[in-house]
Amino acid sequence: MINPTSFALTGFIAWTLALLVLMEVIRSKMVVAGEVPANGFDPANSKLSPFMQRLARARANCLEGLPIFGGLMLVALVTGRAGVTDPLAPVLLAARVIQSTIHVASLSNVAVTLRFSAFAVQVAIGAYWAWRLLAG
C-alpha cells in the first residue's frame, strides 16, 4: 500500500517530469514550425518568450529541490521512519505544485510573494524533517 511519503515523492518526480514534457512539447512545436532551429535552445530558454523562461526556471527549481526534499522522503522510507514525513508530505507536494504554477503564470509582485511563501513552506518542512530524522 502506498503511504503519503511515497505518494508525495512520486508526485514530486511526476510534477517535475510534467514540466519537462510541457517544455519539450512546446520546443518541439517551435522546431517543427521553423521558429527556432533545433540547436537554438539554451537551458534557461533565454531567447524565447517570458513564459518559456519561467517554465524553464520552474522545472529547474523542481530539479534543485528534488535531491533535498525527495532525499529526505527517501531516507524516511528506507529507514522505516515514514511516520516522520507522512503527515506533511502531501503539504510539501502541494506547496511545490503551487510554487511552480505561480512561477509559470506570473512574475508580478504578488505572484513572487506567493511563490516565495510556497517555497518557504517547503523549506520549513524540510528543515523539520531533517531535524526529526537526525534526532532519531
C-alpha atoms as a PDB file:
ATOM      1  CA  MET A   1       0.000   0.000   0.000  1.00  0.00           C
ATOM      2  CA  ILE A   2       1.293   3.455  -0.871  1.00  0.00           C
ATOM      3  CA  ASN A   3       1.809   5.833   2.029  1.00  0.00           C
ATOM      4  CA  PRO A   4       1.739   9.654   1.962  1.00  0.00           C
ATOM      5  CA  THR A   5       5.526   9.912   1.730  1.00  0.00           C
ATOM      6  CA  SER A   6       5.898   7.560  -1.239  1.00  0.00           C
ATOM      7  CA  PHE A   7       2.927   9.254  -2.925  1.00  0.00           C
ATOM      8  CA  ALA A   8       4.459  12.718  -2.403  1.00  0.00           C
ATOM      9  CA  LEU A   9       7.886  11.584  -3.605  1.00  0.00           C
ATOM     10  CA  THR A  10       6.374  10.032  -6.723  1.00  0.00           C
ATOM     11  CA  GLY A  11       4.180  13.100  -7.186  1.00  0.00           C
ATOM     12  CA  PHE A  12       7.192  15.417  -6.916  1.00  0.00           C
ATOM     13  CA  ILE A  13       9.015  13.400  -9.570  1.00  0.00           C
ATOM     14  CA  ALA A  14       5.911  13.247 -11.782  1.00  0.00           C
ATOM     15  CA  TRP A  15       5.371  17.022 -11.457  1.00  0.00           C
ATOM     16  CA  THR A  16       8.987  17.672 -12.462  1.00  0.00           C
ATOM     17  CA  LEU A  17       8.535  15.324 -15.416  1.00  0.00           C
ATOM     18  CA  ALA A  18       5.278  17.055 -16.408  1.00  0.00           C
ATOM     19  CA  LEU A  19       7.023  20.445 -16.527  1.00  0.00           C
ATOM     20  CA  LEU A  20       9.833  18.921 -18.600  1.00  0.00           C
ATOM     21  CA  VAL A  21       7.384  17.284 -21.022  1.00  0.00           C
ATOM     22  CA  LEU A  22       5.431  20.535 -21.402  1.00  0.00           C
ATOM     23  CA  MET A  23       8.610  22.460 -22.156  1.00  0.00           C
ATOM     24  CA  GLU A  24       9.829  19.882 -24.666  1.00  0.00           C
ATOM     25  CA  VAL A  25       6.460  19.657 -26.432  1.00  0.00           C
ATOM     26  CA  ILE A  26       6.445  23.433 -26.881  1.00  0.00           C
ATOM     27  CA  ARG A  27      10.089  23.423 -28.015  1.00  0.00           C
ATOM     28  CA  SER A  28       9.362  20.612 -30.498  1.00  0.00           C
ATOM     29  CA  LYS A  29       6.440  22.552 -31.963  1.00  0.00           C
ATOM     30  CA  MET A  30       8.724  25.576 -32.354  1.00  0.00           C
ATOM     31  CA  VAL A  31      11.313  23.496 -34.216  1.00  0.00           C
ATOM     32  CA  VAL A  32       8.716  21.860 -36.485  1.00  0.00           C
ATOM     33  CA  ALA A  33       7.177  25.280 -37.227  1.00  0.00           C
ATOM     34  CA  GLY A  34      10.620  26.616 -38.135  1.00  0.00           C
ATOM     35  CA  GLU A  35      10.515  29.279 -35.410  1.00  0.00           C
ATOM     36  CA  VAL A  36      13.706  28.074 -33.728  1.00  0.00           C
ATOM     37  CA  PRO A  37      16.436  25.792 -35.064  1.00  0.00           C
ATOM     38  CA  ALA A  38      16.876  22.502 -33.201  1.00  0.00           C
ATOM     39  CA  ASN A  39      20.166  23.775 -31.783  1.00  0.00           C
ATOM     40  CA  GLY A  40      18.736  27.178 -30.891  1.00  0.00           C
ATOM     41  CA  PHE A  41      17.744  26.449 -27.303  1.00  0.00           C
ATOM     42  CA  ASP A  42      19.633  27.015 -24.089  1.00  0.00           C
ATOM     43  CA  PRO A  43      18.703  25.586 -20.666  1.00  0.00           C
ATOM     44  CA  ALA A  44      17.137  28.858 -19.492  1.00  0.00           C
ATOM     45  CA  ASN A  45      15.151  29.416 -22.721  1.00  0.00           C
ATOM     46  CA  SER A  46      16.705  32.895 -22.648  1.00  0.00           C
ATOM     47  CA  LYS A  47      15.978  33.581 -26.331  1.00  0.00           C
ATOM     48  CA  LEU A  48      12.336  32.575 -26.010  1.00  0.00           C
ATOM     49  CA  SER A  49       9.182  34.137 -24.568  1.00  0.00           C
ATOM     50  CA  PRO A  50       8.947  35.142 -20.914  1.00  0.00           C
ATOM     51  CA  PHE A  51       6.530  32.220 -20.404  1.00  0.00           C
ATOM     52  CA  MET A  52       9.121  29.749 -21.704  1.00  0.00           C
ATOM     53  CA  GLN A  53      11.789  31.327 -19.493  1.00  0.00           C
ATOM     54  CA  ARG A  54       9.540  30.963 -16.434  1.00  0.00           C
ATOM     55  CA  LEU A  55       8.731  27.369 -17.397  1.00  0.00           C
ATOM     56  CA  ALA A  56      12.438  26.541 -17.658  1.00  0.00           C
ATOM     57  CA  ARG A  57      13.069  28.103 -14.258  1.00  0.00           C
ATOM     58  CA  ALA A  58      10.116  26.305 -12.639  1.00  0.00           C
ATOM     59  CA  ARG A  59      11.449  22.987 -13.962  1.00  0.00           C
ATOM     60  CA  ALA A  60      14.942  23.851 -12.732  1.00  0.00           C
ATOM     61  CA  ASN A  61      13.522  24.719  -9.297  1.00  0.00           C
ATOM     62  CA  CYS A  62      11.986  21.259  -9.124  1.00  0.00           C
ATOM     63  CA  LEU A  63      15.263  19.629 -10.120  1.00  0.00           C
ATOM     64  CA  GLU A  64      17.098  21.667  -7.475  1.00  0.00           C
ATOM     65  CA  GLY A  65      14.590  20.782  -4.762  1.00  0.00           C
ATOM     66  CA  LEU A  66      14.250  17.095  -5.548  1.00  0.00           C
ATOM     67  CA  PRO A  67      17.571  15.974  -4.008  1.00  0.00           C
ATOM     68  CA  ILE A  68      16.782  17.861  -0.811  1.00  0.00           C
ATOM     69  CA  PHE A  69      13.093  17.201  -0.247  1.00  0.00           C
ATOM     70  CA  GLY A  70      12.970  13.943  -2.172  1.00  0.00           C
ATOM     71  CA  GLY A  71      16.134  12.805  -0.441  1.00  0.00           C
ATOM     72  CA  LEU A  72      14.600  13.381   2.976  1.00  0.00           C
ATOM     73  CA  MET A  73      11.494  11.437   1.965  1.00  0.00           C
ATOM     74  CA  LEU A  74      13.654   8.629   0.592  1.00  0.00           C
ATOM     75  CA  VAL A  75      15.689   8.464   3.826  1.00  0.00           C
ATOM     76  CA  ALA A  76      12.451   8.236   5.803  1.00  0.00           C
ATOM     77  CA  LEU A  77      11.147   5.454   3.564  1.00  0.00           C
ATOM     78  CA  VAL A  78      14.390   3.456   3.510  1.00  0.00           C
ATOM     79  CA  THR A  79      14.904   3.674   7.265  1.00  0.00           C
ATOM     80  CA  GLY A  80      11.306   2.789   8.062  1.00  0.00           C
ATOM     81  CA  ARG A  81      10.661   6.236   9.528  1.00  0.00           C
ATOM     82  CA  ALA A  82       7.998   7.474   7.125  1.00  0.00           C
ATOM     83  CA  GLY A  83       5.985   8.358  10.197  1.00  0.00           C
ATOM     84  CA  VAL A  84       8.202  11.446  10.395  1.00  0.00           C
ATOM     85  CA  THR A  85       7.398  12.590   6.863  1.00  0.00           C
ATOM     86  CA  ASP A  86       3.904  11.182   6.245  1.00  0.00           C
ATOM     87  CA  PRO A  87       1.909  13.943   7.974  1.00  0.00           C
ATOM     88  CA  LEU A  88       3.473  16.797   5.966  1.00  0.00           C
ATOM     89  CA  ALA A  89       4.401  15.022   2.719  1.00  0.00           C
ATOM     90  CA  PRO A  90       1.139  15.985   0.952  1.00  0.00           C
ATOM     91  CA  VAL A  91       1.583  19.586   2.135  1.00  0.00           C
ATOM     92  CA  LEU A  92       5.102  19.664   0.694  1.00  0.00           C
ATOM     93  CA  LEU A  93       3.876  18.312  -2.655  1.00  0.00           C
ATOM     94  CA  ALA A  94       1.010  20.818  -2.768  1.00  0.00           C
ATOM     95  CA  ALA A  95       3.388  23.673  -1.930  1.00  0.00           C
ATOM     96  CA  ARG A  96       5.720  22.580  -4.750  1.00  0.00           C
ATOM     97  CA  VAL A  97       2.893  22.416  -7.299  1.00  0.00           C
ATOM     98  CA  ILE A  98       1.600  25.814  -6.144  1.00  0.00           C
ATOM     99  CA  GLN A  99       5.090  27.328  -6.353  1.00  0.00           C
ATOM    100  CA  SER A 100       5.669  26.045  -9.887  1.00  0.00           C
ATOM    101  CA  THR A 101       2.211  27.010 -11.107  1.00  0.00           C
ATOM    102  CA  ILE A 102       2.573  30.560  -9.829  1.00  0.00           C
ATOM    103  CA  HIS A 103       6.093  30.748 -11.269  1.00  0.00           C
ATOM    104  CA  VAL A 104       4.873  29.803 -14.731  1.00  0.00           C
ATOM    105  CA  ALA A 105       1.831  32.090 -14.515  1.00  0.00           C
ATOM    106  CA  SER A 106       3.301  35.419 -13.454  1.00  0.00           C
ATOM    107  CA  LEU A 107       6.206  37.494 -12.181  1.00  0.00           C
ATOM    108  CA  SER A 108       4.059  40.193 -10.568  1.00  0.00           C
ATOM    109  CA  ASN A 109       4.985  41.327  -7.062  1.00  0.00           C
ATOM    110  CA  VAL A 110       2.014  39.468  -5.590  1.00  0.00           C
ATOM    111  CA  ALA A 111       2.883  36.309  -7.540  1.00  0.00           C
ATOM    112  CA  VAL A 112       6.528  36.407  -6.448  1.00  0.00           C
ATOM    113  CA  THR A 113       5.456  36.848  -2.818  1.00  0.00           C
ATOM    114  CA  LEU A 114       3.034  33.924  -3.048  1.00  0.00           C
ATOM    115  CA  ARG A 115       5.624  31.793  -4.834  1.00  0.00           C
ATOM    116  CA  PHE A 116       8.203  32.531  -2.148  1.00  0.00           C
ATOM    117  CA  SER A 117       5.648  31.699   0.546  1.00  0.00           C
ATOM    118  CA  ALA A 118       5.070  28.285  -1.044  1.00  0.00           C
ATOM    119  CA  PHE A 119       8.832  27.757  -1.175  1.00  0.00           C
ATOM    120  CA  ALA A 120       9.217  28.834   2.462  1.00  0.00           C
ATOM    121  CA  VAL A 121       6.660  26.193   3.454  1.00  0.00           C
ATOM    122  CA  GLN A 122       8.799  23.564   1.727  1.00  0.00           C
ATOM    123  CA  VAL A 123      11.989  24.777   3.401  1.00  0.00           C
ATOM    124  CA  ALA A 124      10.328  24.751   6.825  1.00  0.00           C
ATOM    125  CA  ILE A 125       9.010  21.222   6.273  1.00  0.00           C
ATOM    126  CA  GLY A 126      12.406  20.051   5.016  1.00  0.00           C
ATOM    127  CA  ALA A 127      14.225  21.556   7.995  1.00  0.00           C
ATOM    128  CA  TYR A 128      11.740  19.940  10.381  1.00  0.00           C
ATOM    129  CA  TRP A 129      12.118  16.556   8.689  1.00  0.00           C
ATOM    130  CA  ALA A 130      15.918  16.766   8.724  1.00  0.00           C
ATOM    131  CA  TRP A 131      15.901  17.621  12.424  1.00  0.00           C
ATOM    132  CA  ARG A 132      13.474  14.795  13.258  1.00  0.00           C
ATOM    133  CA  LEU A 133      15.311  12.226  11.127  1.00  0.00           C
ATOM    134  CA  LEU A 134      18.690  13.173  12.613  1.00  0.00           C
ATOM    135  CA  ALA A 135      17.359  13.299  16.160  1.00  0.00           C
ATOM    136  CA  GLY A 136      16.319   9.675  15.934  1.00  0.00           C
END
